[in-house]
Amino acid sequence: MIGDIDLTDIIIMALLIAALIYCFVLSRRMERLRAALEEVGPALEVFSEAVDLSQETVAEMRQASEELSARTGTASRGQETKAAAREGAAPDQKDTLVSGFYDMVNRGMA
């Protein structure tokens, strides 16, 4: 039976060798990818910290702006129209939005 090698055995052996070569190549690629990720890791951490800091800063600035508006008593129509625009104001509210914009610009110029 050892001397009895037929075509299917040869095909199976060839596929096995091809699979081993593919696994070896894949292993090398994975090693290079891991090395690249180790190099990029610290930069990603710094970037993540910067994003977190910027989000905190924006939140603090919004809170300070709201506190300043509350102290000065300027619950302005411009802010209301901006909120309406963010929520998807209807086309019939276009005049209100435009007049709120002009009011806001005029207050900023004064």
PDB file of N, CA and C in Angstrom:
ATOM      1  N   MET A   1       0.813  -1.194   0.000  1.00  0.00           N
ATOM      2  CA  MET A   1       0.000   0.000   0.000  1.00  0.00           C
ATOM      3  C   MET A   1       0.858   1.260   0.000  1.00  0.00           C
ATOM      4  N   ILE A   2       2.089   1.176   0.507  1.00  0.00           N
ATOM      5  CA  ILE A   2       2.960   2.339   0.516  1.00  0.00           C
ATOM      6  C   ILE A   2       3.333   2.731  -0.908  1.00  0.00           C
ATOM      7  N   GLY A   3       3.563   1.806  -1.748  1.00  0.00           N
ATOM      8  CA  GLY A   3       3.917   2.095  -3.124  1.00  0.00           C
ATOM      9  C   GLY A   3       2.714   2.484  -3.960  1.00  0.00           C
ATOM     10  N   ASP A   4       1.535   2.373  -3.394  1.00  0.00           N
ATOM     11  CA  ASP A   4       0.295   2.669  -4.107  1.00  0.00           C
ATOM     12  C   ASP A   4      -0.123   4.126  -3.849  1.00  0.00           C
ATOM     13  N   ILE A   5       0.478   5.082  -4.521  1.00  0.00           N
ATOM     14  CA  ILE A   5       0.127   6.499  -4.375  1.00  0.00           C
ATOM     15  C   ILE A   5      -0.669   6.886  -5.609  1.00  0.00           C
ATOM     16  N   ASP A   6      -1.882   7.319  -5.383  1.00  0.00           N
ATOM     17  CA  ASP A   6      -2.695   7.711  -6.522  1.00  0.00           C
ATOM     18  C   ASP A   6      -2.800   9.245  -6.604  1.00  0.00           C
ATOM     19  N   LEU A   7      -3.536   9.733  -7.546  1.00  0.00           N
ATOM     20  CA  LEU A   7      -3.635  11.159  -7.848  1.00  0.00           C
ATOM     21  C   LEU A   7      -4.228  11.956  -6.683  1.00  0.00           C
ATOM     22  N   THR A   8      -5.219  11.425  -5.993  1.00  0.00           N
ATOM     23  CA  THR A   8      -5.834  12.142  -4.879  1.00  0.00           C
ATOM     24  C   THR A   8      -4.834  12.366  -3.749  1.00  0.00           C
ATOM     25  N   ASP A   9      -3.964  11.399  -3.493  1.00  0.00           N
ATOM     26  CA  ASP A   9      -2.948  11.577  -2.456  1.00  0.00           C
ATOM     27  C   ASP A   9      -1.981  12.700  -2.831  1.00  0.00           C
ATOM     28  N   ILE A  10      -1.611  12.775  -4.087  1.00  0.00           N
ATOM     29  CA  ILE A  10      -0.699  13.827  -4.555  1.00  0.00           C
ATOM     30  C   ILE A  10      -1.368  15.193  -4.437  1.00  0.00           C
ATOM     31  N   ILE A  11      -2.631  15.271  -4.778  1.00  0.00           N
ATOM     32  CA  ILE A  11      -3.370  16.536  -4.675  1.00  0.00           C
ATOM     33  C   ILE A  11      -3.486  16.959  -3.215  1.00  0.00           C
ATOM     34  N   ILE A  12      -3.789  16.022  -2.322  1.00  0.00           N
ATOM     35  CA  ILE A  12      -3.898  16.331  -0.898  1.00  0.00           C
ATOM     36  C   ILE A  12      -2.553  16.822  -0.355  1.00  0.00           C
ATOM     37  N   MET A  13      -1.458  16.174  -0.739  1.00  0.00           N
ATOM     38  CA  MET A  13      -0.125  16.594  -0.290  1.00  0.00           C
ATOM     39  C   MET A  13       0.198  18.000  -0.815  1.00  0.00           C
ATOM     40  N   ALA A  14      -0.133  18.275  -2.069  1.00  0.00           N
ATOM     41  CA  ALA A  14       0.138  19.595  -2.642  1.00  0.00           C
ATOM     42  C   ALA A  14      -0.669  20.669  -1.917  1.00  0.00           C
ATOM     43  N   LEU A  15      -1.924  20.376  -1.621  1.00  0.00           N
ATOM     44  CA  LEU A  15      -2.757  21.336  -0.889  1.00  0.00           C
ATOM     45  C   LEU A  15      -2.245  21.545   0.529  1.00  0.00           C
ATOM     46  N   LEU A  16      -1.758  20.498   1.160  1.00  0.00           N
ATOM     47  CA  LEU A  16      -1.196  20.605   2.498  1.00  0.00           C
ATOM     48  C   LEU A  16       0.051  21.497   2.487  1.00  0.00           C
ATOM     49  N   ILE A  17       0.910  21.303   1.512  1.00  0.00           N
ATOM     50  CA  ILE A  17       2.115  22.133   1.397  1.00  0.00           C
ATOM     51  C   ILE A  17       1.730  23.589   1.126  1.00  0.00           C
ATOM     52  N   ALA A  18       0.754  23.807   0.261  1.00  0.00           N
ATOM     53  CA  ALA A  18       0.291  25.167  -0.030  1.00  0.00           C
ATOM     54  C   ALA A  18      -0.286  25.825   1.220  1.00  0.00           C
ATOM     55  N   ALA A  19      -1.034  25.060   2.018  1.00  0.00           N
ATOM     56  CA  ALA A  19      -1.602  25.595   3.251  1.00  0.00           C
ATOM     57  C   ALA A  19      -0.499  25.951   4.243  1.00  0.00           C
ATOM     58  N   LEU A  20       0.527  25.115   4.346  1.00  0.00           N
ATOM     59  CA  LEU A  20       1.644  25.409   5.245  1.00  0.00           C
ATOM     60  C   LEU A  20       2.383  26.676   4.820  1.00  0.00           C
ATOM     61  N   ILE A  21       2.610  26.837   3.531  1.00  0.00           N
ATOM     62  CA  ILE A  21       3.282  28.041   3.034  1.00  0.00           C
ATOM     63  C   ILE A  21       2.427  29.273   3.303  1.00  0.00           C
ATOM     64  N   TYR A  22       1.122  29.164   3.070  1.00  0.00           N
ATOM     65  CA  TYR A  22       0.218  30.283   3.326  1.00  0.00           C
ATOM     66  C   TYR A  22       0.232  30.660   4.801  1.00  0.00           C
ATOM     67  N   CYS A  23       0.205  29.672   5.688  1.00  0.00           N
ATOM     68  CA  CYS A  23       0.234  29.942   7.125  1.00  0.00           C
ATOM     69  C   CYS A  23       1.538  30.628   7.526  1.00  0.00           C
ATOM     70  N   PHE A  24       2.636  30.218   6.941  1.00  0.00           N
ATOM     71  CA  PHE A  24       3.920  30.831   7.236  1.00  0.00           C
ATOM     72  C   PHE A  24       3.927  32.306   6.794  1.00  0.00           C
ATOM     73  N   VAL A  25       3.448  32.575   5.591  1.00  0.00           N
ATOM     74  CA  VAL A  25       3.393  33.947   5.089  1.00  0.00           C
ATOM     75  C   VAL A  25       2.459  34.787   5.956  1.00  0.00           C
ATOM     76  N   LEU A  26       1.333  34.228   6.316  1.00  0.00           N
ATOM     77  CA  LEU A  26       0.377  34.934   7.157  1.00  0.00           C
ATOM     78  C   LEU A  26       0.965  35.239   8.527  1.00  0.00           C
ATOM     79  N   SER A  27       1.710  34.310   9.079  1.00  0.00           N
ATOM     80  CA  SER A  27       2.365  34.519  10.366  1.00  0.00           C
ATOM     81  C   SER A  27       3.349  35.682  10.298  1.00  0.00           C
ATOM     82  N   ARG A  28       4.112  35.758   9.222  1.00  0.00           N
ATOM     83  CA  ARG A  28       5.071  36.856   9.059  1.00  0.00           C
ATOM     84  C   ARG A  28       4.351  38.193   8.965  1.00  0.00           C
ATOM     85  N   ARG A  29       3.257  38.220   8.229  1.00  0.00           N
ATOM     86  CA  ARG A  29       2.482  39.464   8.093  1.00  0.00           C
ATOM     87  C   ARG A  29       1.906  39.898   9.440  1.00  0.00           C
ATOM     88  N   MET A  30       1.438  38.937  10.212  1.00  0.00           N
ATOM     89  CA  MET A  30       0.879  39.249  11.529  1.00  0.00           C
ATOM     90  C   MET A  30       1.960  39.810  12.452  1.00  0.00           C
ATOM     91  N   GLU A  31       3.169  39.284  12.376  1.00  0.00           N
ATOM     92  CA  GLU A  31       4.267  39.807  13.185  1.00  0.00           C
ATOM     93  C   GLU A  31       4.568  41.258  12.813  1.00  0.00           C
ATOM     94  N   ARG A  32       4.587  41.557  11.528  1.00  0.00           N
ATOM     95  CA  ARG A  32       4.838  42.938  11.097  1.00  0.00           C
ATOM     96  C   ARG A  32       3.712  43.860  11.545  1.00  0.00           C
ATOM     97  N   LEU A  33       2.481  43.381  11.477  1.00  0.00           N
ATOM     98  CA  LEU A  33       1.340  44.182  11.910  1.00  0.00           C
ATOM     99  C   LEU A  33       1.411  44.463  13.404  1.00  0.00           C
ATOM    100  N   ARG A  34       1.742  43.440  14.196  1.00  0.00           N
ATOM    101  CA  ARG A  34       1.882  43.633  15.633  1.00  0.00           C
ATOM    102  C   ARG A  34       2.967  44.654  15.953  1.00  0.00           C
ATOM    103  N   ALA A  35       4.084  44.572  15.253  1.00  0.00           N
ATOM    104  CA  ALA A  35       5.178  45.522  15.473  1.00  0.00           C
ATOM    105  C   ALA A  35       4.732  46.948  15.122  1.00  0.00           C
ATOM    106  N   ALA A  36       3.998  47.093  14.038  1.00  0.00           N
ATOM    107  CA  ALA A  36       3.512  48.415  13.642  1.00  0.00           C
ATOM    108  C   ALA A  36       2.523  48.964  14.672  1.00  0.00           C
ATOM    109  N   LEU A  37       1.662  48.110  15.198  1.00  0.00           N
ATOM    110  CA  LEU A  37       0.705  48.552  16.208  1.00  0.00           C
ATOM    111  C   LEU A  37       1.404  48.959  17.498  1.00  0.00           C
ATOM    112  N   GLU A  38       2.474  48.277  17.850  1.00  0.00           N
ATOM    113  CA  GLU A  38       3.225  48.652  19.044  1.00  0.00           C
ATOM    114  C   GLU A  38       3.880  50.014  18.864  1.00  0.00           C
ATOM    115  N   GLU A  39       4.303  50.336  17.646  1.00  0.00           N
ATOM    116  CA  GLU A  39       4.898  51.642  17.381  1.00  0.00           C
ATOM    117  C   GLU A  39       3.847  52.744  17.394  1.00  0.00           C
ATOM    118  N   VAL A  40       2.660  52.458  16.890  1.00  0.00           N
ATOM    119  CA  VAL A  40       1.608  53.465  16.780  1.00  0.00           C
ATOM    120  C   VAL A  40       0.835  53.617  18.091  1.00  0.00           C
ATOM    121  N   GLY A  41       0.890  52.624  18.946  1.00  0.00           N
ATOM    122  CA  GLY A  41       0.125  52.632  20.191  1.00  0.00           C
ATOM    123  C   GLY A  41       0.290  53.884  21.022  1.00  0.00           C
ATOM    124  N   PRO A  42       1.512  54.312  21.334  1.00  0.00           N
ATOM    125  CA  PRO A  42       1.667  55.527  22.135  1.00  0.00           C
ATOM    126  C   PRO A  42       1.075  56.767  21.464  1.00  0.00           C
ATOM    127  N   ALA A  43       1.202  56.869  20.155  1.00  0.00           N
ATOM    128  CA  ALA A  43       0.624  58.020  19.454  1.00  0.00           C
ATOM    129  C   ALA A  43      -0.898  57.999  19.555  1.00  0.00           C
ATOM    130  N   LEU A  44      -1.489  56.823  19.468  1.00  0.00           N
ATOM    131  CA  LEU A  44      -2.948  56.721  19.602  1.00  0.00           C
ATOM    132  C   LEU A  44      -3.402  57.101  21.003  1.00  0.00           C
ATOM    133  N   GLU A  45      -2.626  56.737  22.005  1.00  0.00           N
ATOM    134  CA  GLU A  45      -2.971  57.104  23.378  1.00  0.00           C
ATOM    135  C   GLU A  45      -2.940  58.618  23.562  1.00  0.00           C
ATOM    136  N   VAL A  46      -1.898  59.264  23.032  1.00  0.00           N
ATOM    137  CA  VAL A  46      -1.798  60.720  23.125  1.00  0.00           C
ATOM    138  C   VAL A  46      -2.958  61.371  22.394  1.00  0.00           C
ATOM    139  N   PHE A  47      -3.296  60.864  21.216  1.00  0.00           N
ATOM    140  CA  PHE A  47      -4.416  61.410  20.451  1.00  0.00           C
ATOM    141  C   PHE A  47      -5.721  61.243  21.222  1.00  0.00           C
ATOM    142  N   SER A  48      -5.920  60.089  21.824  1.00  0.00           N
ATOM    143  CA  SER A  48      -7.132  59.836  22.593  1.00  0.00           C
ATOM    144  C   SER A  48      -7.234  60.793  23.780  1.00  0.00           C
ATOM    145  N   GLU A  49      -6.120  61.015  24.464  1.00  0.00           N
ATOM    146  CA  GLU A  49      -6.119  61.956  25.585  1.00  0.00           C
ATOM    147  C   GLU A  49      -6.436  63.368  25.112  1.00  0.00           C
ATOM    148  N   ALA A  50      -5.909  63.756  23.954  1.00  0.00           N
ATOM    149  CA  ALA A  50      -6.188  65.091  23.415  1.00  0.00           C
ATOM    150  C   ALA A  50      -7.658  65.252  23.065  1.00  0.00           C
ATOM    151  N   VAL A  51      -8.250  64.207  22.510  1.00  0.00           N
ATOM    152  CA  VAL A  51      -9.677  64.262  22.184  1.00  0.00           C
ATOM    153  C   VAL A  51     -10.510  64.381  23.456  1.00  0.00           C
ATOM    154  N   ASP A  52     -10.162  63.604  24.480  1.00  0.00           N
ATOM    155  CA  ASP A  52     -10.882  63.688  25.748  1.00  0.00           C
ATOM    156  C   ASP A  52     -10.773  65.083  26.352  1.00  0.00           C
ATOM    157  N   LEU A  53      -9.564  65.645  26.317  1.00  0.00           N
ATOM    158  CA  LEU A  53      -9.350  66.980  26.863  1.00  0.00           C
ATOM    159  C   LEU A  53     -10.153  68.018  26.095  1.00  0.00           C
ATOM    160  N   SER A  54     -10.192  67.898  24.782  1.00  0.00           N
ATOM    161  CA  SER A  54     -10.951  68.869  23.991  1.00  0.00           C
ATOM    162  C   SER A  54     -12.444  68.752  24.264  1.00  0.00           C
ATOM    163  N   GLN A  55     -12.930  67.530  24.453  1.00  0.00           N
ATOM    164  CA  GLN A  55     -14.349  67.364  24.774  1.00  0.00           C
ATOM    165  C   GLN A  55     -14.674  67.982  26.131  1.00  0.00           C
ATOM    166  N   GLU A  56     -13.795  67.800  27.097  1.00  0.00           N
ATOM    167  CA  GLU A  56     -14.000  68.405  28.416  1.00  0.00           C
ATOM    168  C   GLU A  56     -13.982  69.925  28.317  1.00  0.00           C
ATOM    169  N   THR A  57     -13.051  70.460  27.527  1.00  0.00           N
ATOM    170  CA  THR A  57     -12.939  71.904  27.366  1.00  0.00           C
ATOM    171  C   THR A  57     -14.186  72.479  26.708  1.00  0.00           C
ATOM    172  N   VAL A  58     -14.694  71.812  25.700  1.00  0.00           N
ATOM    173  CA  VAL A  58     -15.911  72.282  25.037  1.00  0.00           C
ATOM    174  C   VAL A  58     -17.084  72.265  26.012  1.00  0.00           C
ATOM    175  N   ALA A  59     -17.184  71.220  26.808  1.00  0.00           N
ATOM    176  CA  ALA A  59     -18.270  71.142  27.790  1.00  0.00           C
ATOM    177  C   ALA A  59     -18.142  72.267  28.818  1.00  0.00           C
ATOM    178  N   GLU A  60     -16.919  72.533  29.272  1.00  0.00           N
ATOM    179  CA  GLU A  60     -16.714  73.622  30.232  1.00  0.00           C
ATOM    180  C   GLU A  60     -17.056  74.970  29.619  1.00  0.00           C
ATOM    181  N   MET A  61     -16.679  75.161  28.355  1.00  0.00           N
ATOM    182  CA  MET A  61     -16.986  76.428  27.684  1.00  0.00           C
ATOM    183  C   MET A  61     -18.486  76.605  27.505  1.00  0.00           C
ATOM    184  N   ARG A  62     -19.177  75.534  27.169  1.00  0.00           N
ATOM    185  CA  ARG A  62     -20.642  75.625  27.044  1.00  0.00           C
ATOM    186  C   ARG A  62     -21.278  75.978  28.382  1.00  0.00           C
ATOM    187  N   GLN A  63     -20.795  75.326  29.434  1.00  0.00           N
ATOM    188  CA  GLN A  63     -21.345  75.604  30.765  1.00  0.00           C
ATOM    189  C   GLN A  63     -21.061  77.048  31.163  1.00  0.00           C
ATOM    190  N   ALA A  64     -19.854  77.526  30.908  1.00  0.00           N
ATOM    191  CA  ALA A  64     -19.524  78.912  31.234  1.00  0.00           C
ATOM    192  C   ALA A  64     -20.380  79.882  30.433  1.00  0.00           C
ATOM    193  N   SER A  65     -20.632  79.561  29.183  1.00  0.00           N
ATOM    194  CA  SER A  65     -21.472  80.407  28.349  1.00  0.00           C
ATOM    195  C   SER A  65     -22.904  80.449  28.879  1.00  0.00           C
ATOM    196  N   GLU A  66     -23.411  79.295  29.282  1.00  0.00           N
ATOM    197  CA  GLU A  66     -24.769  79.250  29.832  1.00  0.00           C
ATOM    198  C   GLU A  66     -24.853  80.019  31.139  1.00  0.00           C
ATOM    199  N   GLU A  67     -23.817  79.885  31.984  1.00  0.00           N
ATOM    200  CA  GLU A  67     -23.815  80.624  33.257  1.00  0.00           C
ATOM    201  C   GLU A  67     -23.749  82.126  33.000  1.00  0.00           C
ATOM    202  N   LEU A  68     -22.943  82.539  32.047  1.00  0.00           N
ATOM    203  CA  LEU A  68     -22.832  83.961  31.717  1.00  0.00           C
ATOM    204  C   LEU A  68     -24.149  84.482  31.170  1.00  0.00           C
ATOM    205  N   SER A  69     -24.796  83.698  30.335  1.00  0.00           N
ATOM    206  CA  SER A  69     -26.092  84.117  29.801  1.00  0.00           C
ATOM    207  C   SER A  69     -27.126  84.217  30.913  1.00  0.00           C
ATOM    208  N   ALA A  70     -27.083  83.281  31.847  1.00  0.00           N
ATOM    209  CA  ALA A  70     -28.042  83.317  32.957  1.00  0.00           C
ATOM    210  C   ALA A  70     -27.785  84.526  33.854  1.00  0.00           C
ATOM    211  N   ARG A  71     -26.511  84.853  34.082  1.00  0.00           N
ATOM    212  CA  ARG A  71     -26.177  85.999  34.929  1.00  0.00           C
ATOM    213  C   ARG A  71     -26.592  87.313  34.278  1.00  0.00           C
ATOM    214  N   THR A  72     -26.383  87.434  33.008  1.00  0.00           N
ATOM    215  CA  THR A  72     -26.703  88.688  32.333  1.00  0.00           C
ATOM    216  C   THR A  72     -28.163  88.750  31.915  1.00  0.00           C
ATOM    217  N   GLY A  73     -28.867  87.638  32.037  1.00  0.00           N
ATOM    218  CA  GLY A  73     -30.291  87.625  31.718  1.00  0.00           C
ATOM    219  C   GLY A  73     -30.573  87.743  30.239  1.00  0.00           C
ATOM    220  N   THR A  74     -29.700  87.212  29.447  1.00  0.00           N
ATOM    221  CA  THR A  74     -29.900  87.321  28.001  1.00  0.00           C
ATOM    222  C   THR A  74     -30.317  85.985  27.428  1.00  0.00           C
ATOM    223  N   ALA A  75     -31.498  85.567  27.782  1.00  0.00           N
ATOM    224  CA  ALA A  75     -32.065  84.387  27.114  1.00  0.00           C
ATOM    225  C   ALA A  75     -32.588  84.913  25.794  1.00  0.00           C
ATOM    226  N   SER A  76     -31.700  85.065  24.872  1.00  0.00           N
ATOM    227  CA  SER A  76     -32.002  85.814  23.650  1.00  0.00           C
ATOM    228  C   SER A  76     -32.823  85.011  22.663  1.00  0.00           C
ATOM    229  N   ARG A  77     -33.464  85.758  21.817  1.00  0.00           N
ATOM    230  CA  ARG A  77     -34.236  85.152  20.750  1.00  0.00           C
ATOM    231  C   ARG A  77     -33.329  84.463  19.750  1.00  0.00           C
ATOM    232  N   GLY A  78     -32.093  84.948  19.612  1.00  0.00           N
ATOM    233  CA  GLY A  78     -31.134  84.332  18.701  1.00  0.00           C
ATOM    234  C   GLY A  78     -30.785  82.918  19.133  1.00  0.00           C
ATOM    235  N   GLN A  79     -30.641  82.713  20.430  1.00  0.00           N
ATOM    236  CA  GLN A  79     -30.344  81.371  20.919  1.00  0.00           C
ATOM    237  C   GLN A  79     -31.527  80.447  20.693  1.00  0.00           C
ATOM    238  N   GLU A  80     -32.717  80.968  20.871  1.00  0.00           N
ATOM    239  CA  GLU A  80     -33.904  80.160  20.638  1.00  0.00           C
ATOM    240  C   GLU A  80     -34.016  79.774  19.165  1.00  0.00           C
ATOM    241  N   THR A  81     -33.688  80.709  18.285  1.00  0.00           N
ATOM    242  CA  THR A  81     -33.782  80.396  16.870  1.00  0.00           C
ATOM    243  C   THR A  81     -32.698  79.416  16.446  1.00  0.00           C
ATOM    244  N   LYS A  82     -31.516  79.501  17.082  1.00  0.00           N
ATOM    245  CA  LYS A  82     -30.470  78.515  16.779  1.00  0.00           C
ATOM    246  C   LYS A  82     -30.924  77.128  17.201  1.00  0.00           C
ATOM    247  N   ALA A  83     -31.569  77.039  18.361  1.00  0.00           N
ATOM    248  CA  ALA A  83     -32.067  75.744  18.823  1.00  0.00           C
ATOM    249  C   ALA A  83     -33.141  75.221  17.873  1.00  0.00           C
ATOM    250  N   ALA A  84     -33.984  76.109  17.397  1.00  0.00           N
ATOM    251  CA  ALA A  84     -35.030  75.692  16.452  1.00  0.00           C
ATOM    252  C   ALA A  84     -34.410  75.224  15.144  1.00  0.00           C
ATOM    253  N   ALA A  85     -33.358  75.894  14.711  1.00  0.00           N
ATOM    254  CA  ALA A  85     -32.696  75.493  13.473  1.00  0.00           C
ATOM    255  C   ALA A  85     -32.051  74.127  13.629  1.00  0.00           C
ATOM    256  N   ARG A  86     -31.475  73.854  14.805  1.00  0.00           N
ATOM    257  CA  ARG A  86     -30.863  72.550  15.040  1.00  0.00           C
ATOM    258  C   ARG A  86     -31.909  71.445  15.039  1.00  0.00           C
ATOM    259  N   GLU A  87     -33.106  71.747  15.495  1.00  0.00           N
ATOM    260  CA  GLU A  87     -34.152  70.734  15.581  1.00  0.00           C
ATOM    261  C   GLU A  87     -34.876  70.570  14.242  1.00  0.00           C
ATOM    262  N   GLY A  88     -34.505  71.326  13.253  1.00  0.00           N
ATOM    263  CA  GLY A  88     -35.133  71.206  11.937  1.00  0.00           C
ATOM    264  C   GLY A  88     -36.361  72.081  11.831  1.00  0.00           C
ATOM    265  N   ALA A  89     -36.161  73.357  11.833  1.00  0.00           N
ATOM    266  CA  ALA A  89     -37.261  74.301  11.792  1.00  0.00           C
ATOM    267  C   ALA A  89     -38.034  74.166  10.475  1.00  0.00           C
ATOM    268  N   ALA A  90     -39.308  74.398  10.558  1.00  0.00           N
ATOM    269  CA  ALA A  90     -40.171  74.304   9.392  1.00  0.00           C
ATOM    270  C   ALA A  90     -39.928  75.500   8.482  1.00  0.00           C
ATOM    271  N   PRO A  91     -40.232  75.363   7.171  1.00  0.00           N
ATOM    272  CA  PRO A  91     -40.015  76.468   6.233  1.00  0.00           C
ATOM    273  C   PRO A  91     -40.774  77.741   6.587  1.00  0.00           C
ATOM    274  N   ASP A  92     -41.946  77.646   7.249  1.00  0.00           N
ATOM    275  CA  ASP A  92     -42.700  78.840   7.611  1.00  0.00           C
ATOM    276  C   ASP A  92     -42.042  79.608   8.747  1.00  0.00           C
ATOM    277  N   GLN A  93     -41.043  79.044   9.377  1.00  0.00           N
ATOM    278  CA  GLN A  93     -40.313  79.721  10.441  1.00  0.00           C
ATOM    279  C   GLN A  93     -39.065  80.414   9.900  1.00  0.00           C
ATOM    280  N   LYS A  94     -38.936  80.476   8.602  1.00  0.00           N
ATOM    281  CA  LYS A  94     -37.745  81.074   7.990  1.00  0.00           C
ATOM    282  C   LYS A  94     -37.605  82.537   8.394  1.00  0.00           C
ATOM    283  N   ASP A  95     -38.705  83.277   8.402  1.00  0.00           N
ATOM    284  CA  ASP A  95     -38.650  84.692   8.774  1.00  0.00           C
ATOM    285  C   ASP A  95     -38.172  84.858  10.214  1.00  0.00           C
ATOM    286  N   THR A  96     -38.651  83.983  11.089  1.00  0.00           N
ATOM    287  CA  THR A  96     -38.238  84.048  12.491  1.00  0.00           C
ATOM    288  C   THR A  96     -36.750  83.783  12.624  1.00  0.00           C
ATOM    289  N   LEU A  97     -36.259  82.810  11.878  1.00  0.00           N
ATOM    290  CA  LEU A  97     -34.837  82.497  11.930  1.00  0.00           C
ATOM    291  C   LEU A  97     -33.994  83.641  11.391  1.00  0.00           C
ATOM    292  N   VAL A  98     -34.435  84.231  10.288  1.00  0.00           N
ATOM    293  CA  VAL A  98     -33.679  85.330   9.692  1.00  0.00           C
ATOM    294  C   VAL A  98     -33.678  86.535  10.619  1.00  0.00           C
ATOM    295  N   SER A  99     -34.822  86.873  11.192  1.00  0.00           N
ATOM    296  CA  SER A  99     -34.860  88.022  12.101  1.00  0.00           C
ATOM    297  C   SER A  99     -34.039  87.743  13.359  1.00  0.00           C
ATOM    298  N   GLY A 100     -34.046  86.515  13.826  1.00  0.00           N
ATOM    299  CA  GLY A 100     -33.195  86.173  14.969  1.00  0.00           C
ATOM    300  C   GLY A 100     -31.727  86.319  14.632  1.00  0.00           C
ATOM    301  N   PHE A 101     -31.363  85.954  13.403  1.00  0.00           N
ATOM    302  CA  PHE A 101     -29.981  86.109  12.962  1.00  0.00           C
ATOM    303  C   PHE A 101     -29.592  87.585  12.936  1.00  0.00           C
ATOM    304  N   TYR A 102     -30.470  88.422  12.375  1.00  0.00           N
ATOM    305  CA  TYR A 102     -30.172  89.860  12.325  1.00  0.00           C
ATOM    306  C   TYR A 102     -30.077  90.446  13.727  1.00  0.00           C
ATOM    307  N   ASP A 103     -30.964  90.026  14.630  1.00  0.00           N
ATOM    308  CA  ASP A 103     -30.898  90.513  16.013  1.00  0.00           C
ATOM    309  C   ASP A 103     -29.569  90.125  16.649  1.00  0.00           C
ATOM    310  N   MET A 104     -29.145  88.899  16.413  1.00  0.00           N
ATOM    311  CA  MET A 104     -27.909  88.430  17.001  1.00  0.00           C
ATOM    312  C   MET A 104     -26.715  89.221  16.437  1.00  0.00           C
ATOM    313  N   VAL A 105     -26.710  89.470  15.127  1.00  0.00           N
ATOM    314  CA  VAL A 105     -25.630  90.235  14.518  1.00  0.00           C
ATOM    315  C   VAL A 105     -25.627  91.670  15.035  1.00  0.00           C
ATOM    316  N   ASN A 106     -26.808  92.268  15.141  1.00  0.00           N
ATOM    317  CA  ASN A 106     -26.884  93.653  15.625  1.00  0.00           C
ATOM    318  C   ASN A 106     -26.419  93.785  17.063  1.00  0.00           C
ATOM    319  N   ARG A 107     -26.727  92.816  17.901  1.00  0.00           N
ATOM    320  CA  ARG A 107     -26.258  92.826  19.290  1.00  0.00           C
ATOM    321  C   ARG A 107     -24.744  92.661  19.347  1.00  0.00           C
ATOM    322  N   GLY A 108     -24.208  91.865  18.437  1.00  0.00           N
ATOM    323  CA  GLY A 108     -22.763  91.667  18.401  1.00  0.00           C
ATOM    324  C   GLY A 108     -22.031  92.892  17.924  1.00  0.00           C
ATOM    325  N   MET A 109     -22.656  93.699  17.077  1.00  0.00           N
ATOM    326  CA  MET A 109     -22.024  94.914  16.544  1.00  0.00           C
ATOM    327  C   MET A 109     -22.129  96.069  17.512  1.00  0.00           C
ATOM    328  N   ALA A 110     -23.141  96.071  18.365  1.00  0.00           N
ATOM    329  CA  ALA A 110     -23.388  97.203  19.255  1.00  0.00           C
ATOM    330  C   ALA A 110     -22.377  97.308  20.369  1.00  0.00           C
TER     331      ALA A 110
END
